[in-house]
Amino acid sequence: PKEWMEEWRKELIVTSDYVAQHRVVLAEAEQRLVAFY
């Protein structure tokens, strides 16, 4: 539900600190992000 998505908004944001501190690998197709872990 949209209300749940809004409730989760802060925890779903990927921050630059998170990327700097952890291993984040992304996959791109035609220079567009399609997935990551």
PDB file of all heavy atoms in Angstrom:
ATOM      1  N   PRO A   1       0.832  -1.214   0.000  1.00  0.00           N
ATOM      2  CA  PRO A   1       0.000   0.000   0.000  1.00  0.00           C
ATOM      3  C   PRO A   1       0.865   1.262   0.000  1.00  0.00           C
ATOM      4  O   PRO A   1       1.962   1.280   0.578  1.00  0.00           O
ATOM      5  CB  PRO A   1      -0.780  -0.108   1.324  1.00  0.00           C
ATOM      6  CG  PRO A   1      -0.706  -1.540   1.732  1.00  0.00           C
ATOM      7  CD  PRO A   1       0.586  -2.067   1.162  1.00  0.00           C
ATOM      8  N   LYS A   2       0.353   2.306  -0.621  1.00  0.00           N
ATOM      9  CA  LYS A   2       1.084   3.572  -0.696  1.00  0.00           C
ATOM     10  C   LYS A   2       1.438   4.106   0.692  1.00  0.00           C
ATOM     11  O   LYS A   2       2.500   4.678   0.888  1.00  0.00           O
ATOM     12  CB  LYS A   2       0.282   4.615  -1.467  1.00  0.00           C
ATOM     13  CG  LYS A   2       0.243   4.333  -2.937  1.00  0.00           C
ATOM     14  CD  LYS A   2      -0.504   5.389  -3.703  1.00  0.00           C
ATOM     15  CE  LYS A   2      -0.516   4.907  -5.136  1.00  0.00           C
ATOM     16  NZ  LYS A   2      -1.037   5.790  -6.073  1.00  0.00           N
ATOM     17  N   GLU A   3       0.543   3.888   1.655  1.00  0.00           N
ATOM     18  CA  GLU A   3       0.800   4.358   3.018  1.00  0.00           C
ATOM     19  C   GLU A   3       2.021   3.657   3.614  1.00  0.00           C
ATOM     20  O   GLU A   3       2.792   4.254   4.356  1.00  0.00           O
ATOM     21  CB  GLU A   3      -0.417   4.106   3.926  1.00  0.00           C
ATOM     22  CG  GLU A   3      -1.682   4.825   3.490  1.00  0.00           C
ATOM     23  CD  GLU A   3      -2.439   4.100   2.366  1.00  0.00           C
ATOM     24  OE1 GLU A   3      -2.197   2.895   2.118  1.00  0.00           O
ATOM     25  OE2 GLU A   3      -3.259   4.761   1.719  1.00  0.00           O
ATOM     26  N   TRP A   4       2.177   2.367   3.303  1.00  0.00           N
ATOM     27  CA  TRP A   4       3.335   1.626   3.800  1.00  0.00           C
ATOM     28  C   TRP A   4       4.608   2.158   3.142  1.00  0.00           C
ATOM     29  O   TRP A   4       5.629   2.336   3.802  1.00  0.00           O
ATOM     30  CB  TRP A   4       3.200   0.136   3.516  1.00  0.00           C
ATOM     31  CG  TRP A   4       2.165  -0.574   4.319  1.00  0.00           C
ATOM     32  CD1 TRP A   4       1.060  -0.040   4.923  1.00  0.00           C
ATOM     33  CD2 TRP A   4       2.141  -1.974   4.595  1.00  0.00           C
ATOM     34  NE1 TRP A   4       0.355  -1.021   5.551  1.00  0.00           N
ATOM     35  CE2 TRP A   4       0.978  -2.223   5.364  1.00  0.00           C
ATOM     36  CE3 TRP A   4       2.962  -3.031   4.255  1.00  0.00           C
ATOM     37  CZ2 TRP A   4       0.648  -3.489   5.808  1.00  0.00           C
ATOM     38  CZ3 TRP A   4       2.628  -4.305   4.689  1.00  0.00           C
ATOM     39  CH2 TRP A   4       1.477  -4.525   5.461  1.00  0.00           C
ATOM     40  N   MET A   5       4.536   2.377   1.843  1.00  0.00           N
ATOM     41  CA  MET A   5       5.709   2.886   1.127  1.00  0.00           C
ATOM     42  C   MET A   5       6.141   4.223   1.730  1.00  0.00           C
ATOM     43  O   MET A   5       7.334   4.464   1.904  1.00  0.00           O
ATOM     44  CB  MET A   5       5.394   3.041  -0.369  1.00  0.00           C
ATOM     45  CG  MET A   5       5.147   1.734  -1.096  1.00  0.00           C
ATOM     46  SD  MET A   5       6.588   0.665  -1.192  1.00  0.00           S
ATOM     47  CE  MET A   5       7.680   1.653  -2.209  1.00  0.00           C
ATOM     48  N   GLU A   6       5.181   5.077   2.054  1.00  0.00           N
ATOM     49  CA  GLU A   6       5.509   6.364   2.659  1.00  0.00           C
ATOM     50  C   GLU A   6       6.110   6.169   4.054  1.00  0.00           C
ATOM     51  O   GLU A   6       7.072   6.835   4.423  1.00  0.00           O
ATOM     52  CB  GLU A   6       4.267   7.256   2.712  1.00  0.00           C
ATOM     53  CG  GLU A   6       4.554   8.687   3.058  1.00  0.00           C
ATOM     54  CD  GLU A   6       5.569   9.350   2.127  1.00  0.00           C
ATOM     55  OE1 GLU A   6       5.558   9.125   0.901  1.00  0.00           O
ATOM     56  OE2 GLU A   6       6.406  10.116   2.656  1.00  0.00           O
ATOM     57  N   GLU A   7       5.580   5.229   4.811  1.00  0.00           N
ATOM     58  CA  GLU A   7       6.097   4.921   6.144  1.00  0.00           C
ATOM     59  C   GLU A   7       7.558   4.455   6.075  1.00  0.00           C
ATOM     60  O   GLU A   7       8.358   4.733   6.970  1.00  0.00           O
ATOM     61  CB  GLU A   7       5.213   3.849   6.794  1.00  0.00           C
ATOM     62  CG  GLU A   7       5.609   3.461   8.186  1.00  0.00           C
ATOM     63  CD  GLU A   7       5.298   4.504   9.252  1.00  0.00           C
ATOM     64  OE1 GLU A   7       4.603   5.498   8.963  1.00  0.00           O
ATOM     65  OE2 GLU A   7       5.765   4.333  10.388  1.00  0.00           O
ATOM     66  N   TRP A   8       7.895   3.728   5.023  1.00  0.00           N
ATOM     67  CA  TRP A   8       9.244   3.188   4.846  1.00  0.00           C
ATOM     68  C   TRP A   8      10.212   4.156   4.171  1.00  0.00           C
ATOM     69  O   TRP A   8      11.392   3.851   3.989  1.00  0.00           O
ATOM     70  CB  TRP A   8       9.192   1.911   4.014  1.00  0.00           C
ATOM     71  CG  TRP A   8       8.541   0.745   4.665  1.00  0.00           C
ATOM     72  CD1 TRP A   8       8.518   0.445   5.992  1.00  0.00           C
ATOM     73  CD2 TRP A   8       7.832  -0.295   4.013  1.00  0.00           C
ATOM     74  NE1 TRP A   8       7.829  -0.728   6.193  1.00  0.00           N
ATOM     75  CE2 TRP A   8       7.394  -1.202   4.995  1.00  0.00           C
ATOM     76  CE3 TRP A   8       7.512  -0.557   2.685  1.00  0.00           C
ATOM     77  CZ2 TRP A   8       6.668  -2.346   4.693  1.00  0.00           C
ATOM     78  CZ3 TRP A   8       6.781  -1.698   2.374  1.00  0.00           C
ATOM     79  CH2 TRP A   8       6.366  -2.575   3.375  1.00  0.00           C
ATOM     80  N   ARG A   9       9.725   5.318   3.752  1.00  0.00           N
ATOM     81  CA  ARG A   9      10.512   6.223   2.904  1.00  0.00           C
ATOM     82  C   ARG A   9      11.940   6.408   3.411  1.00  0.00           C
ATOM     83  O   ARG A   9      12.900   6.218   2.662  1.00  0.00           O
ATOM     84  CB  ARG A   9       9.813   7.577   2.777  1.00  0.00           C
ATOM     85  CG  ARG A   9      10.621   8.592   1.974  1.00  0.00           C
ATOM     86  CD  ARG A   9       9.810   9.800   1.581  1.00  0.00           C
ATOM     87  NE  ARG A   9       8.718   9.476   0.682  1.00  0.00           N
ATOM     88  CZ  ARG A   9       8.855   9.198  -0.628  1.00  0.00           C
ATOM     89  NH1 ARG A   9      10.052   9.198  -1.163  1.00  0.00           N
ATOM     90  NH2 ARG A   9       7.814   8.930  -1.360  1.00  0.00           N
ATOM     91  N   LYS A  10      12.126   6.773   4.685  1.00  0.00           N
ATOM     92  CA  LYS A  10      13.480   7.058   5.190  1.00  0.00           C
ATOM     93  C   LYS A  10      14.388   5.838   5.132  1.00  0.00           C
ATOM     94  O   LYS A  10      15.553   5.951   4.782  1.00  0.00           O
ATOM     95  CB  LYS A  10      13.402   7.591   6.625  1.00  0.00           C
ATOM     96  CG  LYS A  10      12.979   9.044   6.694  1.00  0.00           C
ATOM     97  CD  LYS A  10      12.906   9.531   8.112  1.00  0.00           C
ATOM     98  CE  LYS A  10      14.261  10.046   8.537  1.00  0.00           C
ATOM     99  NZ  LYS A  10      14.218  10.723   9.846  1.00  0.00           N
ATOM    100  N   GLU A  11      13.859   4.670   5.464  1.00  0.00           N
ATOM    101  CA  GLU A  11      14.724   3.487   5.488  1.00  0.00           C
ATOM    102  C   GLU A  11      15.018   2.932   4.087  1.00  0.00           C
ATOM    103  O   GLU A  11      15.936   2.126   3.938  1.00  0.00           O
ATOM    104  CB  GLU A  11      14.168   2.401   6.408  1.00  0.00           C
ATOM    105  CG  GLU A  11      12.860   1.803   5.976  1.00  0.00           C
ATOM    106  CD  GLU A  11      12.250   0.924   7.052  1.00  0.00           C
ATOM    107  OE1 GLU A  11      11.817   1.460   8.070  1.00  0.00           O
ATOM    108  OE2 GLU A  11      12.221  -0.301   6.837  1.00  0.00           O
ATOM    109  N   LEU A  12      14.261   3.349   3.089  1.00  0.00           N
ATOM    110  CA  LEU A  12      14.497   2.882   1.723  1.00  0.00           C
ATOM    111  C   LEU A  12      15.490   3.756   0.956  1.00  0.00           C
ATOM    112  O   LEU A  12      15.935   3.388  -0.129  1.00  0.00           O
ATOM    113  CB  LEU A  12      13.184   2.776   0.943  1.00  0.00           C
ATOM    114  CG  LEU A  12      12.183   1.735   1.450  1.00  0.00           C
ATOM    115  CD1 LEU A  12      10.897   1.793   0.633  1.00  0.00           C
ATOM    116  CD2 LEU A  12      12.779   0.337   1.421  1.00  0.00           C
ATOM    117  N   ILE A  13      15.847   4.885   1.515  1.00  0.00           N
ATOM    118  CA  ILE A  13      16.784   5.785   0.840  1.00  0.00           C
ATOM    119  C   ILE A  13      18.207   5.232   0.958  1.00  0.00           C
ATOM    120  O   ILE A  13      18.647   4.855   2.035  1.00  0.00           O
ATOM    121  CB  ILE A  13      16.701   7.204   1.434  1.00  0.00           C
ATOM    122  CG1 ILE A  13      15.331   7.807   1.099  1.00  0.00           C
ATOM    123  CG2 ILE A  13      17.836   8.083   0.923  1.00  0.00           C
ATOM    124  CD1 ILE A  13      15.059   9.127   1.796  1.00  0.00           C
ATOM    125  N   VAL A  14      18.885   5.168  -0.162  1.00  0.00           N
ATOM    126  CA  VAL A  14      20.289   4.748  -0.191  1.00  0.00           C
ATOM    127  C   VAL A  14      21.128   6.017  -0.122  1.00  0.00           C
ATOM    128  O   VAL A  14      21.073   6.848  -1.024  1.00  0.00           O
ATOM    129  CB  VAL A  14      20.619   3.944  -1.466  1.00  0.00           C
ATOM    130  CG1 VAL A  14      22.081   3.515  -1.454  1.00  0.00           C
ATOM    131  CG2 VAL A  14      19.695   2.745  -1.607  1.00  0.00           C
ATOM    132  N   THR A  15      21.876   6.163   0.946  1.00  0.00           N
ATOM    133  CA  THR A  15      22.650   7.390   1.162  1.00  0.00           C
ATOM    134  C   THR A  15      24.066   7.271   0.603  1.00  0.00           C
ATOM    135  O   THR A  15      24.588   6.172   0.413  1.00  0.00           O
ATOM    136  CB  THR A  15      22.733   7.711   2.667  1.00  0.00           C
ATOM    137  OG1 THR A  15      23.500   6.681   3.308  1.00  0.00           O
ATOM    138  CG2 THR A  15      21.355   7.827   3.300  1.00  0.00           C
ATOM    139  N   SER A  16      24.684   8.414   0.409  1.00  0.00           N
ATOM    140  CA  SER A  16      26.077   8.410  -0.052  1.00  0.00           C
ATOM    141  C   SER A  16      26.979   7.822   1.029  1.00  0.00           C
ATOM    142  O   SER A  16      27.974   7.171   0.706  1.00  0.00           O
ATOM    143  CB  SER A  16      26.521   9.814  -0.465  1.00  0.00           C
ATOM    144  OG  SER A  16      26.349  10.720   0.596  1.00  0.00           O
ATOM    145  N   ASP A  17      26.645   8.013   2.310  1.00  0.00           N
ATOM    146  CA  ASP A  17      27.418   7.394   3.388  1.00  0.00           C
ATOM    147  C   ASP A  17      27.353   5.873   3.289  1.00  0.00           C
ATOM    148  O   ASP A  17      28.360   5.190   3.490  1.00  0.00           O
ATOM    149  CB  ASP A  17      26.912   7.835   4.764  1.00  0.00           C
ATOM    150  CG  ASP A  17      27.337   9.243   5.130  1.00  0.00           C
ATOM    151  OD1 ASP A  17      28.251   9.787   4.464  1.00  0.00           O
ATOM    152  OD2 ASP A  17      26.757   9.801   6.079  1.00  0.00           O
ATOM    153  N   TYR A  18      26.152   5.342   2.994  1.00  0.00           N
ATOM    154  CA  TYR A  18      26.015   3.887   2.873  1.00  0.00           C
ATOM    155  C   TYR A  18      26.918   3.371   1.747  1.00  0.00           C
ATOM    156  O   TYR A  18      27.646   2.391   1.921  1.00  0.00           O
ATOM    157  CB  TYR A  18      24.555   3.478   2.613  1.00  0.00           C
ATOM    158  CG  TYR A  18      24.396   1.982   2.607  1.00  0.00           C
ATOM    159  CD1 TYR A  18      24.157   1.293   3.791  1.00  0.00           C
ATOM    160  CD2 TYR A  18      24.537   1.241   1.438  1.00  0.00           C
ATOM    161  CE1 TYR A  18      24.063  -0.095   3.810  1.00  0.00           C
ATOM    162  CE2 TYR A  18      24.449  -0.136   1.441  1.00  0.00           C
ATOM    163  CZ  TYR A  18      24.203  -0.791   2.632  1.00  0.00           C
ATOM    164  OH  TYR A  18      24.129  -2.168   2.639  1.00  0.00           O
ATOM    165  N   VAL A  19      26.877   4.036   0.612  1.00  0.00           N
ATOM    166  CA  VAL A  19      27.692   3.619  -0.540  1.00  0.00           C
ATOM    167  C   VAL A  19      29.181   3.720  -0.211  1.00  0.00           C
ATOM    168  O   VAL A  19      29.969   2.844  -0.590  1.00  0.00           O
ATOM    169  CB  VAL A  19      27.328   4.444  -1.794  1.00  0.00           C
ATOM    170  CG1 VAL A  19      28.320   4.211  -2.921  1.00  0.00           C
ATOM    171  CG2 VAL A  19      25.909   4.111  -2.250  1.00  0.00           C
ATOM    172  N   ALA A  20      29.569   4.750   0.521  1.00  0.00           N
ATOM    173  CA  ALA A  20      30.981   4.934   0.862  1.00  0.00           C
ATOM    174  C   ALA A  20      31.469   3.898   1.877  1.00  0.00           C
ATOM    175  O   ALA A  20      32.631   3.502   1.851  1.00  0.00           O
ATOM    176  CB  ALA A  20      31.201   6.344   1.409  1.00  0.00           C
ATOM    177  N   GLN A  21      30.577   3.422   2.749  1.00  0.00           N
ATOM    178  CA  GLN A  21      30.986   2.535   3.845  1.00  0.00           C
ATOM    179  C   GLN A  21      30.805   1.052   3.559  1.00  0.00           C
ATOM    180  O   GLN A  21      31.342   0.219   4.287  1.00  0.00           O
ATOM    181  CB  GLN A  21      30.206   2.892   5.115  1.00  0.00           C
ATOM    182  CG  GLN A  21      30.550   4.260   5.643  1.00  0.00           C
ATOM    183  CD  GLN A  21      29.602   4.704   6.747  1.00  0.00           C
ATOM    184  OE1 GLN A  21      28.847   3.916   7.288  1.00  0.00           O
ATOM    185  NE2 GLN A  21      29.651   5.972   7.079  1.00  0.00           N
ATOM    186  N   HIS A  22      30.029   0.701   2.534  1.00  0.00           N
ATOM    187  CA  HIS A  22      29.712  -0.703   2.277  1.00  0.00           C
ATOM    188  C   HIS A  22      29.964  -1.056   0.814  1.00  0.00           C
ATOM    189  O   HIS A  22      30.219  -0.187  -0.011  1.00  0.00           O
ATOM    190  CB  HIS A  22      28.255  -0.992   2.670  1.00  0.00           C
ATOM    191  CG  HIS A  22      27.967  -0.673   4.098  1.00  0.00           C
ATOM    192  ND1 HIS A  22      28.474  -1.396   5.151  1.00  0.00           N
ATOM    193  CD2 HIS A  22      27.251   0.328   4.649  1.00  0.00           C
ATOM    194  CE1 HIS A  22      28.077  -0.878   6.291  1.00  0.00           C
ATOM    195  NE2 HIS A  22      27.334   0.183   6.022  1.00  0.00           N
ATOM    196  N   ARG A  23      29.868  -2.336   0.526  1.00  0.00           N
ATOM    197  CA  ARG A  23      30.066  -2.830  -0.841  1.00  0.00           C
ATOM    198  C   ARG A  23      28.728  -2.757  -1.576  1.00  0.00           C
ATOM    199  O   ARG A  23      27.805  -3.504  -1.257  1.00  0.00           O
ATOM    200  CB  ARG A  23      30.579  -4.272  -0.780  1.00  0.00           C
ATOM    201  CG  ARG A  23      30.764  -4.919  -2.116  1.00  0.00           C
ATOM    202  CD  ARG A  23      32.098  -4.526  -2.730  1.00  0.00           C
ATOM    203  NE  ARG A  23      32.357  -5.410  -3.851  1.00  0.00           N
ATOM    204  CZ  ARG A  23      32.674  -4.971  -5.045  1.00  0.00           C
ATOM    205  NH1 ARG A  23      32.807  -3.682  -5.276  1.00  0.00           N
ATOM    206  NH2 ARG A  23      32.896  -5.824  -6.025  1.00  0.00           N
ATOM    207  N   VAL A  24      28.629  -1.849  -2.525  1.00  0.00           N
ATOM    208  CA  VAL A  24      27.420  -1.703  -3.334  1.00  0.00           C
ATOM    209  C   VAL A  24      27.826  -1.891  -4.786  1.00  0.00           C
ATOM    210  O   VAL A  24      28.700  -1.186  -5.291  1.00  0.00           O
ATOM    211  CB  VAL A  24      26.750  -0.319  -3.124  1.00  0.00           C
ATOM    212  CG1 VAL A  24      25.500  -0.193  -3.990  1.00  0.00           C
ATOM    213  CG2 VAL A  24      26.414  -0.109  -1.650  1.00  0.00           C
ATOM    214  N   VAL A  25      27.207  -2.864  -5.431  1.00  0.00           N
ATOM    215  CA  VAL A  25      27.530  -3.195  -6.819  1.00  0.00           C
ATOM    216  C   VAL A  25      26.258  -3.051  -7.642  1.00  0.00           C
ATOM    217  O   VAL A  25      25.194  -3.564  -7.272  1.00  0.00           O
ATOM    218  CB  VAL A  25      28.090  -4.637  -6.918  1.00  0.00           C
ATOM    219  CG1 VAL A  25      28.271  -5.054  -8.366  1.00  0.00           C
ATOM    220  CG2 VAL A  25      29.412  -4.731  -6.163  1.00  0.00           C
ATOM    221  N   LEU A  26      26.381  -2.359  -8.745  1.00  0.00           N
ATOM    222  CA  LEU A  26      25.207  -2.154  -9.583  1.00  0.00           C
ATOM    223  C   LEU A  26      25.409  -2.746 -10.966  1.00  0.00           C
ATOM    224  O   LEU A  26      26.529  -2.981 -11.406  1.00  0.00           O
ATOM    225  CB  LEU A  26      24.835  -0.670  -9.644  1.00  0.00           C
ATOM    226  CG  LEU A  26      25.866   0.343 -10.116  1.00  0.00           C
ATOM    227  CD1 LEU A  26      25.913   0.411 -11.629  1.00  0.00           C
ATOM    228  CD2 LEU A  26      25.517   1.699  -9.555  1.00  0.00           C
ATOM    229  N   ALA A  27      24.285  -3.009 -11.599  1.00  0.00           N
ATOM    230  CA  ALA A  27      24.279  -3.535 -12.965  1.00  0.00           C
ATOM    231  C   ALA A  27      23.540  -2.531 -13.842  1.00  0.00           C
ATOM    232  O   ALA A  27      22.466  -2.045 -13.485  1.00  0.00           O
ATOM    233  CB  ALA A  27      23.585  -4.896 -13.013  1.00  0.00           C
ATOM    234  N   GLU A  28      24.150  -2.245 -14.980  1.00  0.00           N
ATOM    235  CA  GLU A  28      23.572  -1.289 -15.924  1.00  0.00           C
ATOM    236  C   GLU A  28      23.400  -1.946 -17.282  1.00  0.00           C
ATOM    237  O   GLU A  28      24.217  -2.763 -17.686  1.00  0.00           O
ATOM    238  CB  GLU A  28      24.490  -0.081 -16.088  1.00  0.00           C
ATOM    239  CG  GLU A  28      24.712   0.707 -14.826  1.00  0.00           C
ATOM    240  CD  GLU A  28      25.795   1.768 -14.979  1.00  0.00           C
ATOM    241  OE1 GLU A  28      26.873   1.456 -15.518  1.00  0.00           O
ATOM    242  OE2 GLU A  28      25.548   2.895 -14.542  1.00  0.00           O
ATOM    243  N   ALA A  29      22.338  -1.577 -17.951  1.00  0.00           N
ATOM    244  CA  ALA A  29      22.097  -1.967 -19.343  1.00  0.00           C
ATOM    245  C   ALA A  29      21.893  -0.672 -20.117  1.00  0.00           C
ATOM    246  O   ALA A  29      21.047   0.146 -19.739  1.00  0.00           O
ATOM    247  CB  ALA A  29      20.878  -2.865 -19.461  1.00  0.00           C
ATOM    248  N   GLU A  30      22.669  -0.482 -21.161  1.00  0.00           N
ATOM    249  CA  GLU A  30      22.597   0.741 -21.964  1.00  0.00           C
ATOM    250  C   GLU A  30      22.706   1.980 -21.072  1.00  0.00           C
ATOM    251  O   GLU A  30      21.927   2.927 -21.203  1.00  0.00           O
ATOM    252  CB  GLU A  30      21.312   0.755 -22.792  1.00  0.00           C
ATOM    253  CG  GLU A  30      21.247  -0.401 -23.779  1.00  0.00           C
ATOM    254  CD  GLU A  30      19.931  -0.477 -24.521  1.00  0.00           C
ATOM    255  OE1 GLU A  30      19.114   0.469 -24.417  1.00  0.00           O
ATOM    256  OE2 GLU A  30      19.729  -1.479 -25.210  1.00  0.00           O
ATOM    257  N   GLN A  31      23.643   1.943 -20.136  1.00  0.00           N
ATOM    258  CA  GLN A  31      23.942   3.028 -19.209  1.00  0.00           C
ATOM    259  C   GLN A  31      22.781   3.384 -18.283  1.00  0.00           C
ATOM    260  O   GLN A  31      22.731   4.474 -17.732  1.00  0.00           O
ATOM    261  CB  GLN A  31      24.433   4.265 -19.962  1.00  0.00           C
ATOM    262  CG  GLN A  31      25.713   3.985 -20.721  1.00  0.00           C
ATOM    263  CD  GLN A  31      26.222   5.201 -21.454  1.00  0.00           C
ATOM    264  OE1 GLN A  31      25.498   6.146 -21.718  1.00  0.00           O
ATOM    265  NE2 GLN A  31      27.499   5.170 -21.793  1.00  0.00           N
ATOM    266  N   ARG A  32      21.838   2.440 -18.116  1.00  0.00           N
ATOM    267  CA  ARG A  32      20.716   2.648 -17.189  1.00  0.00           C
ATOM    268  C   ARG A  32      20.788   1.603 -16.086  1.00  0.00           C
ATOM    269  O   ARG A  32      20.967   0.417 -16.365  1.00  0.00           O
ATOM    270  CB  ARG A  32      19.378   2.545 -17.922  1.00  0.00           C
ATOM    271  CG  ARG A  32      19.162   3.651 -18.951  1.00  0.00           C
ATOM    272  CD  ARG A  32      17.803   3.504 -19.584  1.00  0.00           C
ATOM    273  NE  ARG A  32      16.759   3.604 -18.575  1.00  0.00           N
ATOM    274  CZ  ARG A  32      15.946   4.642 -18.440  1.00  0.00           C
ATOM    275  NH1 ARG A  32      16.066   5.657 -19.240  1.00  0.00           N
ATOM    276  NH2 ARG A  32      15.014   4.639 -17.521  1.00  0.00           N
ATOM    277  N   LEU A  33      20.614   2.047 -14.856  1.00  0.00           N
ATOM    278  CA  LEU A  33      20.636   1.158 -13.703  1.00  0.00           C
ATOM    279  C   LEU A  33      19.464   0.182 -13.780  1.00  0.00           C
ATOM    280  O   LEU A  33      18.321   0.596 -13.961  1.00  0.00           O
ATOM    281  CB  LEU A  33      20.536   1.981 -12.413  1.00  0.00           C
ATOM    282  CG  LEU A  33      20.431   1.206 -11.117  1.00  0.00           C
ATOM    283  CD1 LEU A  33      21.713   0.440 -10.838  1.00  0.00           C
ATOM    284  CD2 LEU A  33      20.117   2.168  -9.977  1.00  0.00           C
ATOM    285  N   VAL A  34      19.755  -1.122 -13.674  1.00  0.00           N
ATOM    286  CA  VAL A  34      18.679  -2.120 -13.700  1.00  0.00           C
ATOM    287  C   VAL A  34      18.618  -2.945 -12.421  1.00  0.00           C
ATOM    288  O   VAL A  34      17.586  -3.553 -12.129  1.00  0.00           O
ATOM    289  CB  VAL A  34      18.778  -3.061 -14.927  1.00  0.00           C
ATOM    290  CG1 VAL A  34      18.560  -2.272 -16.213  1.00  0.00           C
ATOM    291  CG2 VAL A  34      20.087  -3.808 -14.969  1.00  0.00           C
ATOM    292  N   ALA A  35      19.695  -2.956 -11.623  1.00  0.00           N
ATOM    293  CA  ALA A  35      19.701  -3.751 -10.393  1.00  0.00           C
ATOM    294  C   ALA A  35      20.938  -3.401  -9.578  1.00  0.00           C
ATOM    295  O   ALA A  35      21.905  -2.835 -10.105  1.00  0.00           O
ATOM    296  CB  ALA A  35      19.711  -5.243 -10.723  1.00  0.00           C
ATOM    297  N   PHE A  36      20.886  -3.766  -8.273  1.00  0.00           N
ATOM    298  CA  PHE A  36      22.083  -3.619  -7.454  1.00  0.00           C
ATOM    299  C   PHE A  36      21.963  -4.459  -6.196  1.00  0.00           C
ATOM    300  O   PHE A  36      20.877  -4.901  -5.823  1.00  0.00           O
ATOM    301  CB  PHE A  36      22.361  -2.154  -7.103  1.00  0.00           C
ATOM    302  CG  PHE A  36      21.498  -1.557  -6.021  1.00  0.00           C
ATOM    303  CD1 PHE A  36      21.946  -1.514  -4.698  1.00  0.00           C
ATOM    304  CD2 PHE A  36      20.262  -1.017  -6.310  1.00  0.00           C
ATOM    305  CE1 PHE A  36      21.177  -0.945  -3.698  1.00  0.00           C
ATOM    306  CE2 PHE A  36      19.477  -0.452  -5.321  1.00  0.00           C
ATOM    307  CZ  PHE A  36      19.932  -0.414  -4.009  1.00  0.00           C
ATOM    308  N   TYR A  37      23.121  -4.683  -5.571  1.00  0.00           N
ATOM    309  CA  TYR A  37      23.129  -5.299  -4.247  1.00  0.00           C
ATOM    310  C   TYR A  37      24.037  -4.494  -3.335  1.00  0.00           C
ATOM    311  O   TYR A  37      24.914  -3.764  -3.791  1.00  0.00           O
ATOM    312  CB  TYR A  37      23.545  -6.771  -4.285  1.00  0.00           C
ATOM    313  CG  TYR A  37      24.958  -7.088  -4.696  1.00  0.00           C
ATOM    314  CD1 TYR A  37      26.017  -7.000  -3.792  1.00  0.00           C
ATOM    315  CD2 TYR A  37      25.245  -7.513  -5.991  1.00  0.00           C
ATOM    316  CE1 TYR A  37      27.317  -7.311  -4.175  1.00  0.00           C
ATOM    317  CE2 TYR A  37      26.538  -7.827  -6.377  1.00  0.00           C
ATOM    318  CZ  TYR A  37      27.566  -7.726  -5.461  1.00  0.00           C
ATOM    319  OH  TYR A  37      28.848  -8.025  -5.834  1.00  0.00           O
TER     320      TYR A  37
END
